[in-house]
Amino acid sequence: MTERTAQPGPWSWRYEATGGAVLEDASLPRAVFPSQAEAEAWVGETWRELLDAGVDAVSLLHGDDVVYGPMSLHPAEG
């Protein structure tokens, strides 16, 4: 994964339901991060809570640009 902290702008997560619908529920956390690494660490710590709240996938945003995603929050089967 490439670190993109040299570019200004906030990092955040977009929450999505199965099928790609964006979730806008006010009860979901709306955190903004100063770096990609901090955003990724946060979702790594909170993915279970997000999944329990009905979030199926997340996309990482840098400003308004999608860096990657959607990334499923469901554990891999195997």
C-alpha atoms as a PDB file:
ATOM      1  CA  MET A   1       0.000   0.000   0.000  1.00  0.00           C
ATOM      2  CA  THR A   2       1.391   3.398  -0.912  1.00  0.00           C
ATOM      3  CA  GLU A   3       1.429   6.115   1.737  1.00  0.00           C
ATOM      4  CA  ARG A   4       0.019   9.322   0.302  1.00  0.00           C
ATOM      5  CA  THR A   5       0.574  11.725   3.200  1.00  0.00           C
ATOM      6  CA  ALA A   6       2.514  14.219   1.045  1.00  0.00           C
ATOM      7  CA  GLN A   7      -0.764  15.461  -0.403  1.00  0.00           C
ATOM      8  CA  PRO A   8      -2.800  17.822   1.774  1.00  0.00           C
ATOM      9  CA  GLY A   9      -6.362  17.027   2.697  1.00  0.00           C
ATOM     10  CA  PRO A  10      -8.260  14.879   5.161  1.00  0.00           C
ATOM     11  CA  TRP A  11      -8.529  11.093   5.093  1.00  0.00           C
ATOM     12  CA  SER A  12     -11.865   9.473   5.919  1.00  0.00           C
ATOM     13  CA  TRP A  13     -13.948   6.350   5.372  1.00  0.00           C
ATOM     14  CA  ARG A  14     -17.141   5.998   3.351  1.00  0.00           C
ATOM     15  CA  TYR A  15     -19.452   3.319   4.731  1.00  0.00           C
ATOM     16  CA  GLU A  16     -21.328   1.066   2.338  1.00  0.00           C
ATOM     17  CA  ALA A  17     -24.033  -1.597   2.437  1.00  0.00           C
ATOM     18  CA  THR A  18     -24.025  -4.777   0.384  1.00  0.00           C
ATOM     19  CA  GLY A  19     -24.588  -3.688  -3.207  1.00  0.00           C
ATOM     20  CA  GLY A  20     -22.687  -0.414  -2.790  1.00  0.00           C
ATOM     21  CA  ALA A  21     -25.315   1.892  -1.287  1.00  0.00           C
ATOM     22  CA  VAL A  22     -23.621   4.598   0.791  1.00  0.00           C
ATOM     23  CA  LEU A  23     -24.683   4.572   4.455  1.00  0.00           C
ATOM     24  CA  GLU A  24     -25.309   8.031   5.909  1.00  0.00           C
ATOM     25  CA  ASP A  25     -26.682   7.025   9.347  1.00  0.00           C
ATOM     26  CA  ALA A  26     -25.887   9.767  11.884  1.00  0.00           C
ATOM     27  CA  SER A  27     -25.047   7.146  14.508  1.00  0.00           C
ATOM     28  CA  LEU A  28     -22.023   5.944  12.495  1.00  0.00           C
ATOM     29  CA  PRO A  29     -18.696   7.531  13.464  1.00  0.00           C
ATOM     30  CA  ARG A  30     -17.527  10.318  11.157  1.00  0.00           C
ATOM     31  CA  ALA A  31     -13.821  10.499  11.920  1.00  0.00           C
ATOM     32  CA  VAL A  32     -11.318  12.471   9.856  1.00  0.00           C
ATOM     33  CA  PHE A  33      -7.622  11.584   9.948  1.00  0.00           C
ATOM     34  CA  PRO A  34      -4.449  13.521   9.117  1.00  0.00           C
ATOM     35  CA  SER A  35      -2.819  10.543   7.383  1.00  0.00           C
ATOM     36  CA  GLN A  36      -3.629   7.357   5.502  1.00  0.00           C
ATOM     37  CA  ALA A  37      -1.814   5.288   8.138  1.00  0.00           C
ATOM     38  CA  GLU A  38      -3.964   6.697  10.951  1.00  0.00           C
ATOM     39  CA  ALA A  39      -7.160   6.085   8.982  1.00  0.00           C
ATOM     40  CA  GLU A  40      -6.143   2.497   8.268  1.00  0.00           C
ATOM     41  CA  ALA A  41      -5.151   1.859  11.890  1.00  0.00           C
ATOM     42  CA  TRP A  42      -8.522   3.183  13.064  1.00  0.00           C
ATOM     43  CA  VAL A  43     -10.571   0.969  10.747  1.00  0.00           C
ATOM     44  CA  GLY A  44      -8.385  -1.972  11.755  1.00  0.00           C
ATOM     45  CA  GLU A  45      -9.406  -1.378  15.371  1.00  0.00           C
ATOM     46  CA  THR A  46     -13.103  -0.668  14.774  1.00  0.00           C
ATOM     47  CA  TRP A  47     -14.178  -2.877  11.854  1.00  0.00           C
ATOM     48  CA  ARG A  48     -16.123  -5.264  14.114  1.00  0.00           C
ATOM     49  CA  GLU A  49     -18.158  -2.416  15.597  1.00  0.00           C
ATOM     50  CA  LEU A  50     -18.845  -1.030  12.127  1.00  0.00           C
ATOM     51  CA  LEU A  51     -19.951  -4.470  10.918  1.00  0.00           C
ATOM     52  CA  ASP A  52     -22.267  -4.805  13.943  1.00  0.00           C
ATOM     53  CA  ALA A  53     -23.730  -1.371  13.078  1.00  0.00           C
ATOM     54  CA  GLY A  54     -24.683  -2.577   9.583  1.00  0.00           C
ATOM     55  CA  VAL A  55     -21.660  -1.480   7.550  1.00  0.00           C
ATOM     56  CA  ASP A  56     -20.701  -4.173   5.023  1.00  0.00           C
ATOM     57  CA  ALA A  57     -17.772  -2.429   3.320  1.00  0.00           C
ATOM     58  CA  VAL A  58     -15.659   0.722   3.499  1.00  0.00           C
ATOM     59  CA  SER A  59     -13.845   2.886   0.971  1.00  0.00           C
ATOM     60  CA  LEU A  60     -10.896   5.077   1.922  1.00  0.00           C
ATOM     61  CA  LEU A  61     -11.228   8.692   0.804  1.00  0.00           C
ATOM     62  CA  HIS A  62      -8.550  11.370   0.529  1.00  0.00           C
ATOM     63  CA  GLY A  63     -10.560  14.530   0.295  1.00  0.00           C
ATOM     64  CA  ASP A  64     -13.235  13.603  -2.255  1.00  0.00           C
ATOM     65  CA  ASP A  65     -11.089  11.023  -4.081  1.00  0.00           C
ATOM     66  CA  VAL A  66     -11.496   7.281  -3.525  1.00  0.00           C
ATOM     67  CA  VAL A  67      -8.057   5.818  -2.750  1.00  0.00           C
ATOM     68  CA  TYR A  68      -9.330   2.238  -2.595  1.00  0.00           C
ATOM     69  CA  GLY A  69     -12.448   0.258  -1.876  1.00  0.00           C
ATOM     70  CA  PRO A  70     -14.948  -0.909  -1.358  1.00  0.00           C
ATOM     71  CA  MET A  71     -13.241  -3.266   1.082  1.00  0.00           C
ATOM     72  CA  SER A  72     -15.463  -5.832   2.767  1.00  0.00           C
ATOM     73  CA  LEU A  73     -15.583  -5.863   6.563  1.00  0.00           C
ATOM     74  CA  HIS A  74     -16.806  -9.462   6.600  1.00  0.00           C
ATOM     75  CA  PRO A  75     -14.203 -12.023   7.694  1.00  0.00           C
ATOM     76  CA  ALA A  76     -12.808 -14.168   4.904  1.00  0.00           C
ATOM     77  CA  GLU A  77     -14.267 -17.645   4.797  1.00  0.00           C
ATOM     78  CA  GLY A  78     -11.863 -20.469   4.787  1.00  0.00           C
END
